[in-house]
PDB file of all heavy atoms in Angstrom:
ATOM      1  N   ASN A   1     -18.455 -12.734  -6.045  1.00  0.00           N
ATOM      2  CA  ASN A   1     -18.931 -13.673  -7.063  1.00  0.00           C
ATOM      3  C   ASN A   1     -17.906 -14.749  -7.408  1.00  0.00           C
ATOM      4  O   ASN A   1     -17.641 -15.046  -8.567  1.00  0.00           O
ATOM      5  CB  ASN A   1     -19.479 -12.934  -8.288  1.00  0.00           C
ATOM      6  CG  ASN A   1     -20.773 -12.277  -8.017  1.00  0.00           C
ATOM      7  OD1 ASN A   1     -21.505 -12.550  -7.099  1.00  0.00           O
ATOM      8  ND2 ASN A   1     -21.102 -11.271  -8.881  1.00  0.00           N
ATOM      9  N   CYS A   2     -17.310 -15.277  -6.323  1.00  0.00           N
ATOM     10  CA  CYS A   2     -16.312 -16.437  -6.429  1.00  0.00           C
ATOM     11  C   CYS A   2     -14.992 -16.049  -7.024  1.00  0.00           C
ATOM     12  O   CYS A   2     -14.177 -16.925  -7.262  1.00  0.00           O
ATOM     13  CB  CYS A   2     -16.960 -17.575  -7.262  1.00  0.00           C
ATOM     14  SG  CYS A   2     -18.445 -18.264  -6.551  1.00  0.00           S
ATOM     15  N   VAL A   3     -14.748 -14.764  -7.208  1.00  0.00           N
ATOM     16  CA  VAL A   3     -13.444 -14.300  -7.757  1.00  0.00           C
ATOM     17  C   VAL A   3     -12.717 -13.538  -6.655  1.00  0.00           C
ATOM     18  O   VAL A   3     -13.214 -12.591  -6.068  1.00  0.00           O
ATOM     19  CB  VAL A   3     -13.632 -13.427  -8.981  1.00  0.00           C
ATOM     20  CG1 VAL A   3     -12.284 -12.908  -9.500  1.00  0.00           C
ATOM     21  CG2 VAL A   3     -14.391 -14.165 -10.078  1.00  0.00           C
ATOM     22  N   GLN A   4     -11.468 -13.986  -6.392  1.00  0.00           N
ATOM     23  CA  GLN A   4     -10.648 -13.251  -5.389  1.00  0.00           C
ATOM     24  C   GLN A   4     -10.347 -11.861  -5.882  1.00  0.00           C
ATOM     25  O   GLN A   4      -9.986 -11.653  -7.097  1.00  0.00           O
ATOM     26  CB  GLN A   4      -9.354 -14.042  -5.120  1.00  0.00           C
ATOM     27  CG  GLN A   4      -8.573 -13.382  -4.015  1.00  0.00           C
ATOM     28  CD  GLN A   4      -7.265 -14.176  -3.710  1.00  0.00           C
ATOM     29  OE1 GLN A   4      -7.115 -15.335  -4.073  1.00  0.00           O
ATOM     30  NE2 GLN A   4      -6.292 -13.508  -3.067  1.00  0.00           N
ATOM     31  N   GLN A   5     -10.432 -10.853  -5.013  1.00  0.00           N
ATOM     32  CA  GLN A   5     -10.204  -9.521  -5.395  1.00  0.00           C
ATOM     33  C   GLN A   5      -8.845  -8.968  -4.848  1.00  0.00           C
ATOM     34  O   GLN A   5      -8.323  -9.444  -3.824  1.00  0.00           O
ATOM     35  CB  GLN A   5     -11.308  -8.598  -4.770  1.00  0.00           C
ATOM     36  CG  GLN A   5     -12.684  -8.975  -5.229  1.00  0.00           C
ATOM     37  CD  GLN A   5     -12.873  -8.842  -6.720  1.00  0.00           C
ATOM     38  OE1 GLN A   5     -12.689  -7.808  -7.306  1.00  0.00           O
ATOM     39  NE2 GLN A   5     -13.302  -9.953  -7.338  1.00  0.00           N
ATOM     40  N   THR A   6      -8.272  -8.042  -5.576  1.00  0.00           N
ATOM     41  CA  THR A   6      -7.072  -7.334  -5.137  1.00  0.00           C
ATOM     42  C   THR A   6      -7.418  -6.336  -4.087  1.00  0.00           C
ATOM     43  O   THR A   6      -8.367  -5.554  -4.239  1.00  0.00           O
ATOM     44  CB  THR A   6      -6.407  -6.635  -6.312  1.00  0.00           C
ATOM     45  OG1 THR A   6      -6.012  -7.613  -7.296  1.00  0.00           O
ATOM     46  CG2 THR A   6      -5.131  -5.903  -5.816  1.00  0.00           C
ATOM     47  N   LEU A   7      -6.710  -6.342  -2.938  1.00  0.00           N
ATOM     48  CA  LEU A   7      -7.019  -5.466  -1.814  1.00  0.00           C
ATOM     49  C   LEU A   7      -5.949  -4.419  -1.592  1.00  0.00           C
ATOM     50  O   LEU A   7      -4.785  -4.664  -1.861  1.00  0.00           O
ATOM     51  CB  LEU A   7      -7.217  -6.287  -0.576  1.00  0.00           C
ATOM     52  CG  LEU A   7      -8.288  -7.342  -0.486  1.00  0.00           C
ATOM     53  CD1 LEU A   7      -8.289  -8.079   0.834  1.00  0.00           C
ATOM     54  CD2 LEU A   7      -9.646  -6.719  -0.803  1.00  0.00           C
ATOM     55  N   THR A   8      -6.370  -3.263  -1.120  1.00  0.00           N
ATOM     56  CA  THR A   8      -5.509  -2.256  -0.545  1.00  0.00           C
ATOM     57  C   THR A   8      -5.626  -2.415   0.936  1.00  0.00           C
ATOM     58  O   THR A   8      -6.691  -2.536   1.532  1.00  0.00           O
ATOM     59  CB  THR A   8      -5.888  -0.878  -0.998  1.00  0.00           C
ATOM     60  OG1 THR A   8      -5.792  -0.743  -2.418  1.00  0.00           O
ATOM     61  CG2 THR A   8      -4.999   0.202  -0.361  1.00  0.00           C
ATOM     62  N   PHE A   9      -4.459  -2.357   1.687  1.00  0.00           N
ATOM     63  CA  PHE A   9      -4.480  -2.613   3.105  1.00  0.00           C
ATOM     64  C   PHE A   9      -4.101  -1.345   3.876  1.00  0.00           C
ATOM     65  O   PHE A   9      -3.335  -0.501   3.408  1.00  0.00           O
ATOM     66  CB  PHE A   9      -3.521  -3.702   3.465  1.00  0.00           C
ATOM     67  CG  PHE A   9      -3.912  -5.044   2.926  1.00  0.00           C
ATOM     68  CD1 PHE A   9      -3.423  -5.535   1.714  1.00  0.00           C
ATOM     69  CD2 PHE A   9      -4.795  -5.863   3.647  1.00  0.00           C
ATOM     70  CE1 PHE A   9      -3.783  -6.756   1.218  1.00  0.00           C
ATOM     71  CE2 PHE A   9      -5.179  -7.099   3.142  1.00  0.00           C
ATOM     72  CZ  PHE A   9      -4.623  -7.531   1.934  1.00  0.00           C
ATOM     73  N   SER A  10      -4.645  -1.259   5.073  1.00  0.00           N
ATOM     74  CA  SER A  10      -4.260  -0.262   6.099  1.00  0.00           C
ATOM     75  C   SER A  10      -3.893  -1.011   7.354  1.00  0.00           C
ATOM     76  O   SER A  10      -4.715  -1.796   7.866  1.00  0.00           O
ATOM     77  CB  SER A  10      -5.405   0.686   6.353  1.00  0.00           C
ATOM     78  OG  SER A  10      -5.070   1.636   7.384  1.00  0.00           O
ATOM     79  N   GLY A  11      -2.715  -0.776   7.817  1.00  0.00           N
ATOM     80  CA  GLY A  11      -2.219  -1.487   9.001  1.00  0.00           C
ATOM     81  C   GLY A  11      -1.748  -2.907   8.680  1.00  0.00           C
ATOM     82  O   GLY A  11      -1.767  -3.309   7.488  1.00  0.00           O
ATOM     83  N   THR A  12      -1.455  -3.633   9.665  1.00  0.00           N
ATOM     84  CA  THR A  12      -1.051  -5.026   9.521  1.00  0.00           C
ATOM     85  C   THR A  12      -2.135  -5.979   9.938  1.00  0.00           C
ATOM     86  O   THR A  12      -2.595  -5.919  11.056  1.00  0.00           O
ATOM     87  CB  THR A  12       0.237  -5.306  10.358  1.00  0.00           C
ATOM     88  OG1 THR A  12       1.299  -4.440   9.909  1.00  0.00           O
ATOM     89  CG2 THR A  12       0.662  -6.788  10.158  1.00  0.00           C
ATOM     90  N   ILE A  13      -2.542  -6.872   9.037  1.00  0.00           N
ATOM     91  CA  ILE A  13      -3.589  -7.880   9.393  1.00  0.00           C
ATOM     92  C   ILE A  13      -2.967  -8.765  10.423  1.00  0.00           C
ATOM     93  O   ILE A  13      -1.871  -9.296  10.234  1.00  0.00           O
ATOM     94  CB  ILE A  13      -4.038  -8.675   8.140  1.00  0.00           C
ATOM     95  CG1 ILE A  13      -4.550  -7.717   7.101  1.00  0.00           C
ATOM     96  CG2 ILE A  13      -5.062  -9.697   8.541  1.00  0.00           C
ATOM     97  CD1 ILE A  13      -5.746  -6.861   7.486  1.00  0.00           C
ATOM     98  N   PRO A  14      -3.651  -9.013  11.579  1.00  0.00           N
ATOM     99  CA  PRO A  14      -3.035  -9.734  12.695  1.00  0.00           C
ATOM    100  C   PRO A  14      -2.910 -11.200  12.431  1.00  0.00           C
ATOM    101  O   PRO A  14      -3.538 -11.745  11.526  1.00  0.00           O
ATOM    102  CB  PRO A  14      -3.968  -9.395  13.863  1.00  0.00           C
ATOM    103  CG  PRO A  14      -5.268  -9.166  13.208  1.00  0.00           C
ATOM    104  CD  PRO A  14      -5.014  -8.486  11.942  1.00  0.00           C
ATOM    105  N   SER A  15      -2.190 -11.879  13.305  1.00  0.00           N
ATOM    106  CA  SER A  15      -2.033 -13.320  13.150  1.00  0.00           C
ATOM    107  C   SER A  15      -3.188 -14.083  13.850  1.00  0.00           C
ATOM    108  O   SER A  15      -3.381 -15.250  13.597  1.00  0.00           O
ATOM    109  CB  SER A  15      -0.722 -13.782  13.792  1.00  0.00           C
ATOM    110  OG  SER A  15      -0.697 -13.411  15.194  1.00  0.00           O
ATOM    111  N   SER A  16      -4.004 -13.396  14.647  1.00  0.00           N
ATOM    112  CA  SER A  16      -5.199 -13.955  15.241  1.00  0.00           C
ATOM    113  C   SER A  16      -6.217 -12.886  15.432  1.00  0.00           C
ATOM    114  O   SER A  16      -5.879 -11.688  15.540  1.00  0.00           O
ATOM    115  CB  SER A  16      -4.875 -14.674  16.564  1.00  0.00           C
ATOM    116  OG  SER A  16      -4.410 -13.737  17.471  1.00  0.00           O
ATOM    117  N   LEU A  17      -7.501 -13.249  15.533  1.00  0.00           N
ATOM    118  CA  LEU A  17      -8.552 -12.321  15.791  1.00  0.00           C
ATOM    119  C   LEU A  17      -8.556 -11.859  17.262  1.00  0.00           C
ATOM    120  O   LEU A  17      -8.173 -12.601  18.137  1.00  0.00           O
ATOM    121  CB  LEU A  17      -9.879 -12.896  15.426  1.00  0.00           C
ATOM    122  CG  LEU A  17     -10.157 -13.250  13.943  1.00  0.00           C
ATOM    123  CD1 LEU A  17     -11.469 -13.989  13.790  1.00  0.00           C
ATOM    124  CD2 LEU A  17     -10.152 -11.973  13.103  1.00  0.00           C
ATOM    125  N   GLY A  18      -9.073 -10.638  17.477  1.00  0.00           N
ATOM    126  CA  GLY A  18      -9.231 -10.164  18.808  1.00  0.00           C
ATOM    127  C   GLY A  18     -10.369 -10.896  19.532  1.00  0.00           C
ATOM    128  O   GLY A  18     -11.148 -11.651  18.880  1.00  0.00           O
ATOM    129  N   ILE A  19     -10.418 -10.700  20.788  1.00  0.00           N
ATOM    130  CA  ILE A  19     -11.451 -11.377  21.671  1.00  0.00           C
ATOM    131  C   ILE A  19     -12.378 -10.312  22.179  1.00  0.00           C
ATOM    132  O   ILE A  19     -11.983  -9.284  22.731  1.00  0.00           O
ATOM    133  CB  ILE A  19     -10.840 -12.131  22.854  1.00  0.00           C
ATOM    134  CG1 ILE A  19      -9.931 -13.248  22.316  1.00  0.00           C
ATOM    135  CG2 ILE A  19     -11.864 -12.705  23.765  1.00  0.00           C
ATOM    136  CD1 ILE A  19      -9.178 -13.996  23.389  1.00  0.00           C
ATOM    137  N   ASN A  20     -13.693 -10.542  21.981  1.00  0.00           N
ATOM    138  CA  ASN A  20     -14.695  -9.646  22.574  1.00  0.00           C
ATOM    139  C   ASN A  20     -15.963 -10.427  22.886  1.00  0.00           C
ATOM    140  O   ASN A  20     -16.090 -11.536  22.546  1.00  0.00           O
ATOM    141  CB  ASN A  20     -15.002  -8.442  21.643  1.00  0.00           C
ATOM    142  CG  ASN A  20     -15.665  -8.801  20.362  1.00  0.00           C
ATOM    143  OD1 ASN A  20     -16.633  -9.558  20.341  1.00  0.00           O
ATOM    144  ND2 ASN A  20     -15.128  -8.306  19.226  1.00  0.00           N
ATOM    145  N   THR A  21     -16.845  -9.773  23.627  1.00  0.00           N
ATOM    146  CA  THR A  21     -18.085 -10.410  24.064  1.00  0.00           C
ATOM    147  C   THR A  21     -19.283  -9.989  23.246  1.00  0.00           C
ATOM    148  O   THR A  21     -20.403 -10.267  23.585  1.00  0.00           O
ATOM    149  CB  THR A  21     -18.366 -10.148  25.548  1.00  0.00           C
ATOM    150  OG1 THR A  21     -18.434  -8.681  25.718  1.00  0.00           O
ATOM    151  CG2 THR A  21     -17.224 -10.605  26.451  1.00  0.00           C
ATOM    152  N   ALA A  22     -19.032  -9.287  22.108  1.00  0.00           N
ATOM    153  CA  ALA A  22     -20.111  -8.738  21.312  1.00  0.00           C
ATOM    154  C   ALA A  22     -20.870  -9.908  20.598  1.00  0.00           C
ATOM    155  O   ALA A  22     -20.330 -10.982  20.296  1.00  0.00           O
ATOM    156  CB  ALA A  22     -19.587  -7.771  20.332  1.00  0.00           C
ATOM    157  N   GLU A  23     -22.120  -9.607  20.279  1.00  0.00           N
ATOM    158  CA  GLU A  23     -22.938 -10.455  19.433  1.00  0.00           C
ATOM    159  C   GLU A  23     -22.503 -10.236  17.973  1.00  0.00           C
ATOM    160  O   GLU A  23     -22.093  -9.129  17.567  1.00  0.00           O
ATOM    161  CB  GLU A  23     -24.412 -10.195  19.556  1.00  0.00           C
ATOM    162  CG  GLU A  23     -24.989 -10.544  20.881  1.00  0.00           C
ATOM    163  CD  GLU A  23     -26.523 -10.479  20.872  1.00  0.00           C
ATOM    164  OE1 GLU A  23     -27.060  -9.432  21.146  1.00  0.00           O
ATOM    165  OE2 GLU A  23     -27.106 -11.502  20.562  1.00  0.00           O
ATOM    166  N   VAL A  24     -22.610 -11.264  17.143  1.00  0.00           N
ATOM    167  CA  VAL A  24     -22.479 -11.052  15.693  1.00  0.00           C
ATOM    168  C   VAL A  24     -23.823 -10.461  15.204  1.00  0.00           C
ATOM    169  O   VAL A  24     -24.908 -10.949  15.510  1.00  0.00           O
ATOM    170  CB  VAL A  24     -22.190 -12.393  14.983  1.00  0.00           C
ATOM    171  CG1 VAL A  24     -22.209 -12.205  13.462  1.00  0.00           C
ATOM    172  CG2 VAL A  24     -20.884 -12.968  15.488  1.00  0.00           C
ATOM    173  N   ILE A  25     -23.696  -9.385  14.446  1.00  0.00           N
ATOM    174  CA  ILE A  25     -24.891  -8.667  13.967  1.00  0.00           C
ATOM    175  C   ILE A  25     -24.836  -8.532  12.448  1.00  0.00           C
ATOM    176  O   ILE A  25     -23.785  -8.268  11.897  1.00  0.00           O
ATOM    177  CB  ILE A  25     -25.028  -7.219  14.596  1.00  0.00           C
ATOM    178  CG1 ILE A  25     -25.072  -7.350  16.120  1.00  0.00           C
ATOM    179  CG2 ILE A  25     -26.158  -6.500  14.036  1.00  0.00           C
ATOM    180  CD1 ILE A  25     -25.067  -6.007  16.818  1.00  0.00           C
ATOM    181  N   MET A  26     -26.013  -8.730  11.801  1.00  0.00           N
ATOM    182  CA  MET A  26     -26.132  -8.477  10.351  1.00  0.00           C
ATOM    183  C   MET A  26     -27.000  -7.252  10.120  1.00  0.00           C
ATOM    184  O   MET A  26     -27.982  -7.021  10.857  1.00  0.00           O
ATOM    185  CB  MET A  26     -26.719  -9.711   9.662  1.00  0.00           C
ATOM    186  CG  MET A  26     -25.800 -10.882   9.665  1.00  0.00           C
ATOM    187  SD  MET A  26     -26.267 -12.170   8.476  1.00  0.00           S
ATOM    188  CE  MET A  26     -27.883 -12.572   9.070  1.00  0.00           C
ATOM    189  N   GLY A  27     -26.667  -6.481   9.131  1.00  0.00           N
ATOM    190  CA  GLY A  27     -27.489  -5.363   8.743  1.00  0.00           C
ATOM    191  C   GLY A  27     -27.198  -4.058   9.423  1.00  0.00           C
ATOM    192  O   GLY A  27     -27.923  -3.017   9.261  1.00  0.00           O
ATOM    193  N   TYR A  28     -26.164  -3.985  10.259  1.00  0.00           N
ATOM    194  CA  TYR A  28     -25.924  -2.765  11.042  1.00  0.00           C
ATOM    195  C   TYR A  28     -24.420  -2.756  11.378  1.00  0.00           C
ATOM    196  O   TYR A  28     -23.836  -3.775  11.755  1.00  0.00           O
ATOM    197  CB  TYR A  28     -26.719  -2.707  12.301  1.00  0.00           C
ATOM    198  CG  TYR A  28     -26.304  -1.666  13.286  1.00  0.00           C
ATOM    199  CD1 TYR A  28     -26.470  -0.271  12.959  1.00  0.00           C
ATOM    200  CD2 TYR A  28     -25.808  -1.943  14.536  1.00  0.00           C
ATOM    201  CE1 TYR A  28     -26.115   0.715  13.856  1.00  0.00           C
ATOM    202  CE2 TYR A  28     -25.435  -0.937  15.448  1.00  0.00           C
ATOM    203  CZ  TYR A  28     -25.621   0.347  15.090  1.00  0.00           C
ATOM    204  OH  TYR A  28     -25.274   1.342  16.006  1.00  0.00           O
ATOM    205  N   TYR A  29     -23.798  -1.519  11.294  1.00  0.00           N
ATOM    206  CA  TYR A  29     -22.411  -1.368  11.789  1.00  0.00           C
ATOM    207  C   TYR A  29     -22.389  -0.517  13.010  1.00  0.00           C
ATOM    208  O   TYR A  29     -22.850   0.647  12.962  1.00  0.00           O
ATOM    209  CB  TYR A  29     -21.478  -0.829  10.674  1.00  0.00           C
ATOM    210  CG  TYR A  29     -20.047  -0.945  11.116  1.00  0.00           C
ATOM    211  CD1 TYR A  29     -19.376  -2.146  11.085  1.00  0.00           C
ATOM    212  CD2 TYR A  29     -19.403   0.149  11.718  1.00  0.00           C
ATOM    213  CE1 TYR A  29     -18.062  -2.245  11.524  1.00  0.00           C
ATOM    214  CE2 TYR A  29     -18.122   0.039  12.212  1.00  0.00           C
ATOM    215  CZ  TYR A  29     -17.478  -1.165  12.118  1.00  0.00           C
ATOM    216  OH  TYR A  29     -16.184  -1.252  12.600  1.00  0.00           O
ATOM    217  N   ASN A  30     -21.850  -1.011  14.088  1.00  0.00           N
ATOM    218  CA  ASN A  30     -21.699  -0.315  15.315  1.00  0.00           C
ATOM    219  C   ASN A  30     -21.144   1.115  15.078  1.00  0.00           C
ATOM    220  O   ASN A  30     -20.044   1.260  14.466  1.00  0.00           O
ATOM    221  CB  ASN A  30     -20.811  -1.113  16.245  1.00  0.00           C
ATOM    222  CG  ASN A  30     -20.532  -0.411  17.544  1.00  0.00           C
ATOM    223  OD1 ASN A  30     -21.343   0.359  18.053  1.00  0.00           O
ATOM    224  ND2 ASN A  30     -19.358  -0.655  18.121  1.00  0.00           N
ATOM    225  N   ARG A  31     -21.863   2.112  15.541  1.00  0.00           N
ATOM    226  CA  ARG A  31     -21.470   3.539  15.450  1.00  0.00           C
ATOM    227  C   ARG A  31     -21.676   4.162  14.120  1.00  0.00           C
ATOM    228  O   ARG A  31     -21.495   5.379  13.942  1.00  0.00           O
ATOM    229  CB  ARG A  31     -19.979   3.752  15.849  1.00  0.00           C
ATOM    230  CG  ARG A  31     -19.589   3.296  17.207  1.00  0.00           C
ATOM    231  CD  ARG A  31     -18.115   3.545  17.493  1.00  0.00           C
ATOM    232  NE  ARG A  31     -17.228   2.482  16.907  1.00  0.00           N
ATOM    233  CZ  ARG A  31     -16.416   2.693  15.950  1.00  0.00           C
ATOM    234  NH1 ARG A  31     -16.238   3.896  15.415  1.00  0.00           N
ATOM    235  NH2 ARG A  31     -15.597   1.753  15.525  1.00  0.00           N
ATOM    236  N   TYR A  32     -22.172   3.408  13.107  1.00  0.00           N
ATOM    237  CA  TYR A  32     -22.306   3.983  11.826  1.00  0.00           C
ATOM    238  C   TYR A  32     -23.746   3.862  11.287  1.00  0.00           C
ATOM    239  O   TYR A  32     -24.659   4.510  11.767  1.00  0.00           O
ATOM    240  CB  TYR A  32     -21.315   3.398  10.816  1.00  0.00           C
ATOM    241  CG  TYR A  32     -19.898   3.864  11.147  1.00  0.00           C
ATOM    242  CD1 TYR A  32     -18.954   2.995  11.678  1.00  0.00           C
ATOM    243  CD2 TYR A  32     -19.483   5.177  10.796  1.00  0.00           C
ATOM    244  CE1 TYR A  32     -17.669   3.425  11.970  1.00  0.00           C
ATOM    245  CE2 TYR A  32     -18.219   5.606  11.106  1.00  0.00           C
ATOM    246  CZ  TYR A  32     -17.313   4.739  11.683  1.00  0.00           C
ATOM    247  OH  TYR A  32     -16.014   5.146  11.960  1.00  0.00           O
ATOM    248  N   GLU A  33     -23.941   3.076  10.282  1.00  0.00           N
ATOM    249  CA  GLU A  33     -25.247   3.053   9.574  1.00  0.00           C
ATOM    250  C   GLU A  33     -25.898   1.673   9.534  1.00  0.00           C
ATOM    251  O   GLU A  33     -25.284   0.651   9.759  1.00  0.00           O
ATOM    252  CB  GLU A  33     -25.065   3.559   8.108  1.00  0.00           C
ATOM    253  CG  GLU A  33     -24.438   4.931   7.974  1.00  0.00           C
ATOM    254  CD  GLU A  33     -25.461   5.985   8.374  1.00  0.00           C
ATOM    255  OE1 GLU A  33     -26.697   5.706   8.355  1.00  0.00           O
ATOM    256  OE2 GLU A  33     -25.040   7.134   8.663  1.00  0.00           O
ATOM    257  N   TYR A  34     -27.221   1.713   9.221  1.00  0.00           N
ATOM    258  CA  TYR A  34     -27.995   0.440   8.934  1.00  0.00           C
ATOM    259  C   TYR A  34     -27.886   0.150   7.425  1.00  0.00           C
ATOM    260  O   TYR A  34     -27.966   1.063   6.615  1.00  0.00           O
ATOM    261  CB  TYR A  34     -29.419   0.600   9.380  1.00  0.00           C
ATOM    262  CG  TYR A  34     -29.556   0.578  10.915  1.00  0.00           C
ATOM    263  CD1 TYR A  34     -29.485   1.694  11.658  1.00  0.00           C
ATOM    264  CD2 TYR A  34     -29.733  -0.655  11.590  1.00  0.00           C
ATOM    265  CE1 TYR A  34     -29.549   1.693  13.068  1.00  0.00           C
ATOM    266  CE2 TYR A  34     -29.891  -0.684  12.981  1.00  0.00           C
ATOM    267  CZ  TYR A  34     -29.806   0.507  13.685  1.00  0.00           C
ATOM    268  OH  TYR A  34     -29.915   0.463  15.044  1.00  0.00           O
ATOM    269  N   PHE A  35     -27.869  -1.129   7.167  1.00  0.00           N
ATOM    270  CA  PHE A  35     -27.819  -1.595   5.736  1.00  0.00           C
ATOM    271  C   PHE A  35     -29.219  -1.625   5.162  1.00  0.00           C
ATOM    272  O   PHE A  35     -30.177  -2.082   5.750  1.00  0.00           O
ATOM    273  CB  PHE A  35     -27.243  -3.000   5.711  1.00  0.00           C
ATOM    274  CG  PHE A  35     -27.351  -3.711   4.429  1.00  0.00           C
ATOM    275  CD1 PHE A  35     -26.556  -3.328   3.332  1.00  0.00           C
ATOM    276  CD2 PHE A  35     -28.174  -4.757   4.262  1.00  0.00           C
ATOM    277  CE1 PHE A  35     -26.664  -3.972   2.093  1.00  0.00           C
ATOM    278  CE2 PHE A  35     -28.290  -5.478   3.028  1.00  0.00           C
ATOM    279  CZ  PHE A  35     -27.524  -5.032   1.923  1.00  0.00           C
ATOM    280  N   LYS A  36     -29.376  -1.170   3.907  1.00  0.00           N
ATOM    281  CA  LYS A  36     -30.660  -1.182   3.178  1.00  0.00           C
ATOM    282  C   LYS A  36     -30.512  -2.163   2.030  1.00  0.00           C
ATOM    283  O   LYS A  36     -29.699  -1.955   1.105  1.00  0.00           O
ATOM    284  CB  LYS A  36     -31.099   0.160   2.701  1.00  0.00           C
ATOM    285  CG  LYS A  36     -32.499   0.122   2.077  1.00  0.00           C
ATOM    286  CD  LYS A  36     -33.061   1.495   1.785  1.00  0.00           C
ATOM    287  CE  LYS A  36     -34.471   1.415   1.290  1.00  0.00           C
ATOM    288  NZ  LYS A  36     -35.060   2.714   1.022  1.00  0.00           N
ATOM    289  N   GLY A  37     -31.282  -3.248   2.031  1.00  0.00           N
ATOM    290  CA  GLY A  37     -31.173  -4.284   1.032  1.00  0.00           C
ATOM    291  C   GLY A  37     -31.595  -5.612   1.587  1.00  0.00           C
ATOM    292  O   GLY A  37     -32.366  -5.668   2.566  1.00  0.00           O
ATOM    293  N   SER A  38     -31.069  -6.699   1.040  1.00  0.00           N
ATOM    294  CA  SER A  38     -31.417  -8.059   1.550  1.00  0.00           C
ATOM    295  C   SER A  38     -30.157  -8.907   1.618  1.00  0.00           C
ATOM    296  O   SER A  38     -29.181  -8.683   0.894  1.00  0.00           O
ATOM    297  CB  SER A  38     -32.421  -8.708   0.590  1.00  0.00           C
ATOM    298  OG  SER A  38     -33.627  -8.006   0.575  1.00  0.00           O
ATOM    299  N   ILE A  39     -30.195  -9.851   2.530  1.00  0.00           N
ATOM    300  CA  ILE A  39     -29.088 -10.798   2.752  1.00  0.00           C
ATOM    301  C   ILE A  39     -29.682 -12.209   2.755  1.00  0.00           C
ATOM    302  O   ILE A  39     -30.760 -12.443   3.319  1.00  0.00           O
ATOM    303  CB  ILE A  39     -28.360 -10.514   4.018  1.00  0.00           C
ATOM    304  CG1 ILE A  39     -27.611  -9.166   3.970  1.00  0.00           C
ATOM    305  CG2 ILE A  39     -27.371 -11.666   4.391  1.00  0.00           C
ATOM    306  CD1 ILE A  39     -26.921  -8.755   5.254  1.00  0.00           C
ATOM    307  N   SER A  40     -28.960 -13.119   2.152  1.00  0.00           N
ATOM    308  CA  SER A  40     -29.396 -14.538   2.186  1.00  0.00           C
ATOM    309  C   SER A  40     -28.141 -15.439   2.272  1.00  0.00           C
ATOM    310  O   SER A  40     -27.011 -15.059   2.013  1.00  0.00           O
ATOM    311  CB  SER A  40     -30.229 -14.923   0.992  1.00  0.00           C
ATOM    312  OG  SER A  40     -29.389 -15.032  -0.198  1.00  0.00           O
ATOM    313  N   GLU A  41     -28.350 -16.669   2.765  1.00  0.00           N
ATOM    314  CA  GLU A  41     -27.336 -17.727   2.816  1.00  0.00           C
ATOM    315  C   GLU A  41     -26.040 -17.317   3.542  1.00  0.00           C
ATOM    316  O   GLU A  41     -24.940 -17.660   3.099  1.00  0.00           O
ATOM    317  CB  GLU A  41     -26.954 -18.162   1.345  1.00  0.00           C
ATOM    318  CG  GLU A  41     -28.135 -18.462   0.460  1.00  0.00           C
ATOM    319  CD  GLU A  41     -27.754 -18.276  -0.973  1.00  0.00           C
ATOM    320  OE1 GLU A  41     -26.841 -18.928  -1.408  1.00  0.00           O
ATOM    321  OE2 GLU A  41     -28.451 -17.463  -1.630  1.00  0.00           O
TER     322      GLU A  41
END
């Protein structure tokens, strides 16, 4: 809601993103669960 949050970290956030051929997906996390609710914008 437009407010920056304090984070706890695991590992080192990299200097660049990894490269993969996957599609961007909404509503589902690979190997885990489907999201129940709604998404907009």
